[in-house]
Amino acid sequence: MTQTRNRYITLDQLSKKLGGRSRSSIYRDLENGHIPNPIRIGGRLYWCEDEVDDFMKTLRIGSNAS
């Protein structure tokens, strides 16, 4: 059985992954439930990279369907 480790990314890394999306846009998307929820460690927010990647795949699938 192989065990995979989740990699967590910071807000800056998330912004780059989302094409340079601004901090305020990310927080607005988070408030509206449009992006996965982060976890807080030591006062900083971190997103599970696998969850973000899955979220981005659903966006691509949705845009191909229209």
PDB file of N, CA and C in Angstrom:
ATOM      1  N   MET A   1       0.852  -1.180   0.000  1.00  0.00           N
ATOM      2  CA  MET A   1       0.000   0.000   0.000  1.00  0.00           C
ATOM      3  C   MET A   1       0.895   1.241   0.000  1.00  0.00           C
ATOM      4  N   THR A   2       0.685   2.100  -0.976  1.00  0.00           N
ATOM      5  CA  THR A   2       1.461   3.327  -1.020  1.00  0.00           C
ATOM      6  C   THR A   2       0.712   4.444  -0.329  1.00  0.00           C
ATOM      7  N   GLN A   3       1.470   5.224   0.378  1.00  0.00           N
ATOM      8  CA  GLN A   3       0.865   6.332   1.098  1.00  0.00           C
ATOM      9  C   GLN A   3       1.289   7.626   0.411  1.00  0.00           C
ATOM     10  N   THR A   4       0.307   8.440   0.065  1.00  0.00           N
ATOM     11  CA  THR A   4       0.622   9.721  -0.557  1.00  0.00           C
ATOM     12  C   THR A   4       0.499  10.810   0.492  1.00  0.00           C
ATOM     13  N   ARG A   5       1.340  11.793   0.350  1.00  0.00           N
ATOM     14  CA  ARG A   5       1.298  12.920   1.280  1.00  0.00           C
ATOM     15  C   ARG A   5       0.697  14.116   0.556  1.00  0.00           C
ATOM     16  N   ASN A   6      -0.180  14.778   1.245  1.00  0.00           N
ATOM     17  CA  ASN A   6      -0.751  15.992   0.681  1.00  0.00           C
ATOM     18  C   ASN A   6       0.274  17.108   0.773  1.00  0.00           C
ATOM     19  N   ARG A   7       0.375  17.872  -0.270  1.00  0.00           N
ATOM     20  CA  ARG A   7       1.228  19.054  -0.271  1.00  0.00           C
ATOM     21  C   ARG A   7       0.308  20.247  -0.068  1.00  0.00           C
ATOM     22  N   TYR A   8       0.716  21.146   0.791  1.00  0.00           N
ATOM     23  CA  TYR A   8      -0.081  22.334   1.057  1.00  0.00           C
ATOM     24  C   TYR A   8       0.616  23.554   0.485  1.00  0.00           C
ATOM     25  N   ILE A   9      -0.179  24.443  -0.106  1.00  0.00           N
ATOM     26  CA  ILE A   9       0.372  25.629  -0.752  1.00  0.00           C
ATOM     27  C   ILE A   9      -0.144  26.888  -0.063  1.00  0.00           C
ATOM     28  N   THR A  10       0.646  27.948  -0.165  1.00  0.00           N
ATOM     29  CA  THR A  10       0.309  29.227   0.454  1.00  0.00           C
ATOM     30  C   THR A  10      -0.618  30.033  -0.463  1.00  0.00           C
ATOM     31  N   LEU A  11      -1.071  31.149   0.047  1.00  0.00           N
ATOM     32  CA  LEU A  11      -1.927  32.042  -0.737  1.00  0.00           C
ATOM     33  C   LEU A  11      -1.210  32.519  -1.998  1.00  0.00           C
ATOM     34  N   ASP A  12       0.073  32.859  -1.875  1.00  0.00           N
ATOM     35  CA  ASP A  12       0.831  33.307  -3.052  1.00  0.00           C
ATOM     36  C   ASP A  12       0.925  32.205  -4.104  1.00  0.00           C
ATOM     37  N   GLN A  13       1.175  30.984  -3.657  1.00  0.00           N
ATOM     38  CA  GLN A  13       1.258  29.858  -4.592  1.00  0.00           C
ATOM     39  C   GLN A  13      -0.100  29.583  -5.231  1.00  0.00           C
ATOM     40  N   LEU A  14      -1.164  29.702  -4.441  1.00  0.00           N
ATOM     41  CA  LEU A  14      -2.519  29.520  -4.971  1.00  0.00           C
ATOM     42  C   LEU A  14      -2.813  30.574  -6.030  1.00  0.00           C
ATOM     43  N   SER A  15      -2.442  31.804  -5.740  1.00  0.00           N
ATOM     44  CA  SER A  15      -2.655  32.894  -6.689  1.00  0.00           C
ATOM     45  C   SER A  15      -1.974  32.592  -8.027  1.00  0.00           C
ATOM     46  N   LYS A  16      -0.736  32.133  -7.981  1.00  0.00           N
ATOM     47  CA  LYS A  16      -0.012  31.794  -9.217  1.00  0.00           C
ATOM     48  C   LYS A  16      -0.692  30.647  -9.948  1.00  0.00           C
ATOM     49  N   LYS A  17      -1.137  29.665  -9.194  1.00  0.00           N
ATOM     50  CA  LYS A  17      -1.809  28.496  -9.786  1.00  0.00           C
ATOM     51  C   LYS A  17      -3.105  28.916 -10.482  1.00  0.00           C
ATOM     52  N   LEU A  18      -3.748  29.962  -9.959  1.00  0.00           N
ATOM     53  CA  LEU A  18      -5.003  30.457 -10.532  1.00  0.00           C
ATOM     54  C   LEU A  18      -4.763  31.578 -11.546  1.00  0.00           C
ATOM     55  N   GLY A  19      -3.554  31.651 -12.068  1.00  0.00           N
ATOM     56  CA  GLY A  19      -3.259  32.611 -13.133  1.00  0.00           C
ATOM     57  C   GLY A  19      -3.032  34.030 -12.664  1.00  0.00           C
ATOM     58  N   GLY A  20      -2.567  34.205 -11.437  1.00  0.00           N
ATOM     59  CA  GLY A  20      -2.287  35.542 -10.929  1.00  0.00           C
ATOM     60  C   GLY A  20      -3.489  36.217 -10.298  1.00  0.00           C
ATOM     61  N   ARG A  21      -4.469  35.438  -9.905  1.00  0.00           N
ATOM     62  CA  ARG A  21      -5.676  35.975  -9.271  1.00  0.00           C
ATOM     63  C   ARG A  21      -5.295  36.769  -8.024  1.00  0.00           C
ATOM     64  N   SER A  22      -5.933  37.909  -7.834  1.00  0.00           N
ATOM     65  CA  SER A  22      -5.597  38.776  -6.703  1.00  0.00           C
ATOM     66  C   SER A  22      -6.051  38.166  -5.382  1.00  0.00           C
ATOM     67  N   ARG A  23      -5.415  38.633  -4.330  1.00  0.00           N
ATOM     68  CA  ARG A  23      -5.726  38.192  -2.971  1.00  0.00           C
ATOM     69  C   ARG A  23      -7.203  38.415  -2.644  1.00  0.00           C
ATOM     70  N   SER A  24      -7.688  39.611  -2.956  1.00  0.00           N
ATOM     71  CA  SER A  24      -9.084  39.929  -2.635  1.00  0.00           C
ATOM     72  C   SER A  24     -10.053  39.061  -3.441  1.00  0.00           C
ATOM     73  N   SER A  25      -9.708  38.747  -4.684  1.00  0.00           N
ATOM     74  CA  SER A  25     -10.562  37.868  -5.492  1.00  0.00           C
ATOM     75  C   SER A  25     -10.593  36.457  -4.920  1.00  0.00           C
ATOM     76  N   ILE A  26      -9.442  35.987  -4.434  1.00  0.00           N
ATOM     77  CA  ILE A  26      -9.388  34.656  -3.826  1.00  0.00           C
ATOM     78  C   ILE A  26     -10.252  34.620  -2.575  1.00  0.00           C
ATOM     79  N   TYR A  27     -10.146  35.647  -1.732  1.00  0.00           N
ATOM     80  CA  TYR A  27     -10.967  35.687  -0.514  1.00  0.00           C
ATOM     81  C   TYR A  27     -12.456  35.769  -0.853  1.00  0.00           C
ATOM     82  N   ARG A  28     -12.792  36.520  -1.898  1.00  0.00           N
ATOM     83  CA  ARG A  28     -14.195  36.620  -2.319  1.00  0.00           C
ATOM     84  C   ARG A  28     -14.688  35.261  -2.821  1.00  0.00           C
ATOM     85  N   ASP A  29     -13.874  34.586  -3.621  1.00  0.00           N
ATOM     86  CA  ASP A  29     -14.237  33.250  -4.107  1.00  0.00           C
ATOM     87  C   ASP A  29     -14.388  32.273  -2.949  1.00  0.00           C
ATOM     88  N   LEU A  30     -13.527  32.393  -1.962  1.00  0.00           N
ATOM     89  CA  LEU A  30     -13.588  31.534  -0.783  1.00  0.00           C
ATOM     90  C   LEU A  30     -14.888  31.775  -0.017  1.00  0.00           C
ATOM     91  N   GLU A  31     -15.230  33.042   0.157  1.00  0.00           N
ATOM     92  CA  GLU A  31     -16.470  33.418   0.848  1.00  0.00           C
ATOM     93  C   GLU A  31     -17.703  32.876   0.128  1.00  0.00           C
ATOM     94  N   ASN A  32     -17.660  32.858  -1.189  1.00  0.00           N
ATOM     95  CA  ASN A  32     -18.791  32.397  -1.995  1.00  0.00           C
ATOM     96  C   ASN A  32     -18.772  30.893  -2.242  1.00  0.00           C
ATOM     97  N   GLY A  33     -17.782  30.196  -1.677  1.00  0.00           N
ATOM     98  CA  GLY A  33     -17.707  28.751  -1.830  1.00  0.00           C
ATOM     99  C   GLY A  33     -17.220  28.292  -3.192  1.00  0.00           C
ATOM    100  N   HIS A  34     -16.513  29.166  -3.912  1.00  0.00           N
ATOM    101  CA  HIS A  34     -16.052  28.826  -5.255  1.00  0.00           C
ATOM    102  C   HIS A  34     -14.697  28.137  -5.285  1.00  0.00           C
ATOM    103  N   ILE A  35     -13.953  28.184  -4.186  1.00  0.00           N
ATOM    104  CA  ILE A  35     -12.668  27.486  -4.114  1.00  0.00           C
ATOM    105  C   ILE A  35     -12.639  26.658  -2.835  1.00  0.00           C
ATOM    106  N   PRO A  36     -11.806  25.622  -2.805  1.00  0.00           N
ATOM    107  CA  PRO A  36     -11.741  24.767  -1.609  1.00  0.00           C
ATOM    108  C   PRO A  36     -11.320  25.555  -0.368  1.00  0.00           C
ATOM    109  N   ASN A  37     -11.799  25.124   0.779  1.00  0.00           N
ATOM    110  CA  ASN A  37     -11.444  25.775   2.039  1.00  0.00           C
ATOM    111  C   ASN A  37     -10.006  25.463   2.434  1.00  0.00           C
ATOM    112  N   PRO A  38      -9.318  26.463   2.974  1.00  0.00           N
ATOM    113  CA  PRO A  38      -7.949  26.240   3.436  1.00  0.00           C
ATOM    114  C   PRO A  38      -7.939  25.711   4.872  1.00  0.00           C
ATOM    115  N   ILE A  39      -6.749  25.344   5.326  1.00  0.00           N
ATOM    116  CA  ILE A  39      -6.568  25.057   6.743  1.00  0.00           C
ATOM    117  C   ILE A  39      -5.670  26.157   7.296  1.00  0.00           C
ATOM    118  N   ARG A  40      -5.793  26.415   8.587  1.00  0.00           N
ATOM    119  CA  ARG A  40      -4.985  27.455   9.217  1.00  0.00           C
ATOM    120  C   ARG A  40      -3.934  26.785  10.092  1.00  0.00           C
ATOM    121  N   ILE A  41      -2.686  27.147   9.855  1.00  0.00           N
ATOM    122  CA  ILE A  41      -1.580  26.658  10.671  1.00  0.00           C
ATOM    123  C   ILE A  41      -0.760  27.872  11.089  1.00  0.00           C
ATOM    124  N   GLY A  42      -0.704  28.096  12.388  1.00  0.00           N
ATOM    125  CA  GLY A  42       0.103  29.205  12.893  1.00  0.00           C
ATOM    126  C   GLY A  42      -0.287  30.559  12.343  1.00  0.00           C
ATOM    127  N   GLY A  43      -1.572  30.774  12.135  1.00  0.00           N
ATOM    128  CA  GLY A  43      -2.045  32.063  11.649  1.00  0.00           C
ATOM    129  C   GLY A  43      -1.983  32.233  10.135  1.00  0.00           C
ATOM    130  N   ARG A  44      -1.464  31.249   9.426  1.00  0.00           N
ATOM    131  CA  ARG A  44      -1.401  31.323   7.957  1.00  0.00           C
ATOM    132  C   ARG A  44      -2.360  30.321   7.352  1.00  0.00           C
ATOM    133  N   LEU A  45      -2.828  30.643   6.157  1.00  0.00           N
ATOM    134  CA  LEU A  45      -3.739  29.752   5.444  1.00  0.00           C
ATOM    135  C   LEU A  45      -2.962  28.915   4.441  1.00  0.00           C
ATOM    136  N   TYR A  46      -3.345  27.635   4.360  1.00  0.00           N
ATOM    137  CA  TYR A  46      -2.739  26.712   3.409  1.00  0.00           C
ATOM    138  C   TYR A  46      -3.842  25.925   2.727  1.00  0.00           C
ATOM    139  N   TRP A  47      -3.678  25.705   1.425  1.00  0.00           N
ATOM    140  CA  TRP A  47      -4.635  24.922   0.652  1.00  0.00           C
ATOM    141  C   TRP A  47      -3.993  23.604   0.267  1.00  0.00           C
ATOM    142  N   CYS A  48      -4.786  22.545   0.318  1.00  0.00           N
ATOM    143  CA  CYS A  48      -4.317  21.239  -0.130  1.00  0.00           C
ATOM    144  C   CYS A  48      -4.205  21.299  -1.656  1.00  0.00           C
ATOM    145  N   GLU A  49      -3.010  21.075  -2.165  1.00  0.00           N
ATOM    146  CA  GLU A  49      -2.788  21.208  -3.606  1.00  0.00           C
ATOM    147  C   GLU A  49      -3.635  20.223  -4.404  1.00  0.00           C
ATOM    148  N   ASP A  50      -3.835  19.014  -3.882  1.00  0.00           N
ATOM    149  CA  ASP A  50      -4.675  18.031  -4.580  1.00  0.00           C
ATOM    150  C   ASP A  50      -6.109  18.533  -4.719  1.00  0.00           C
ATOM    151  N   GLU A  51      -6.642  19.163  -3.657  1.00  0.00           N
ATOM    152  CA  GLU A  51      -8.009  19.700  -3.711  1.00  0.00           C
ATOM    153  C   GLU A  51      -8.099  20.836  -4.723  1.00  0.00           C
ATOM    154  N   VAL A  52      -7.089  21.684  -4.758  1.00  0.00           N
ATOM    155  CA  VAL A  52      -7.072  22.795  -5.719  1.00  0.00           C
ATOM    156  C   VAL A  52      -7.010  22.246  -7.147  1.00  0.00           C
ATOM    157  N   ASP A  53      -6.159  21.242  -7.364  1.00  0.00           N
ATOM    158  CA  ASP A  53      -6.051  20.639  -8.699  1.00  0.00           C
ATOM    159  C   ASP A  53      -7.374  20.005  -9.127  1.00  0.00           C
ATOM    160  N   ASP A  54      -8.029  19.294  -8.207  1.00  0.00           N
ATOM    161  CA  ASP A  54      -9.336  18.695  -8.514  1.00  0.00           C
ATOM    162  C   ASP A  54     -10.357  19.775  -8.850  1.00  0.00           C
ATOM    163  N   PHE A  55     -10.341  20.866  -8.086  1.00  0.00           N
ATOM    164  CA  PHE A  55     -11.240  21.994  -8.326  1.00  0.00           C
ATOM    165  C   PHE A  55     -11.007  22.565  -9.723  1.00  0.00           C
ATOM    166  N   MET A  56      -9.734  22.727 -10.091  1.00  0.00           N
ATOM    167  CA  MET A  56      -9.419  23.285 -11.403  1.00  0.00           C
ATOM    168  C   MET A  56      -9.851  22.347 -12.529  1.00  0.00           C
ATOM    169  N   LYS A  57      -9.775  21.045 -12.296  1.00  0.00           N
ATOM    170  CA  LYS A  57     -10.243  20.074 -13.295  1.00  0.00           C
ATOM    171  C   LYS A  57     -11.745  20.216 -13.513  1.00  0.00           C
ATOM    172  N   THR A  58     -12.501  20.451 -12.445  1.00  0.00           N
ATOM    173  CA  THR A  58     -13.952  20.617 -12.597  1.00  0.00           C
ATOM    174  C   THR A  58     -14.261  21.882 -13.384  1.00  0.00           C
ATOM    175  N   LEU A  59     -13.431  22.912 -13.226  1.00  0.00           N
ATOM    176  CA  LEU A  59     -13.634  24.134 -14.007  1.00  0.00           C
ATOM    177  C   LEU A  59     -13.416  23.864 -15.490  1.00  0.00           C
ATOM    178  N   ARG A  60     -12.372  23.100 -15.799  1.00  0.00           N
ATOM    179  CA  ARG A  60     -12.093  22.768 -17.202  1.00  0.00           C
ATOM    180  C   ARG A  60     -13.209  21.922 -17.784  1.00  0.00           C
ATOM    181  N   ILE A  61     -13.679  20.947 -17.019  1.00  0.00           N
ATOM    182  CA  ILE A  61     -14.765  20.081 -17.487  1.00  0.00           C
ATOM    183  C   ILE A  61     -16.019  20.913 -17.731  1.00  0.00           C
ATOM    184  N   GLY A  62     -16.315  21.838 -16.812  1.00  0.00           N
ATOM    185  CA  GLY A  62     -17.489  22.695 -16.951  1.00  0.00           C
ATOM    186  C   GLY A  62     -17.395  23.610 -18.156  1.00  0.00           C
ATOM    187  N   SER A  63     -16.193  24.127 -18.431  1.00  0.00           N
ATOM    188  CA  SER A  63     -16.055  25.034 -19.572  1.00  0.00           C
ATOM    189  C   SER A  63     -16.110  24.277 -20.896  1.00  0.00           C
ATOM    190  N   ASN A  64     -15.708  23.013 -20.898  1.00  0.00           N
ATOM    191  CA  ASN A  64     -15.796  22.202 -22.121  1.00  0.00           C
ATOM    192  C   ASN A  64     -17.232  21.797 -22.420  1.00  0.00           C
ATOM    193  N   ALA A  65     -18.063  21.713 -21.392  1.00  0.00           N
ATOM    194  CA  ALA A  65     -19.450  21.279 -21.567  1.00  0.00           C
ATOM    195  C   ALA A  65     -20.331  22.369 -22.161  1.00  0.00           C
ATOM    196  N   SER A  66     -19.909  23.640 -22.027  1.00  0.00           N
ATOM    197  CA  SER A  66     -20.781  24.710 -22.522  1.00  0.00           C
ATOM    198  C   SER A  66     -20.560  25.059 -23.953  1.00  0.00           C
TER     199      SER A  66
END
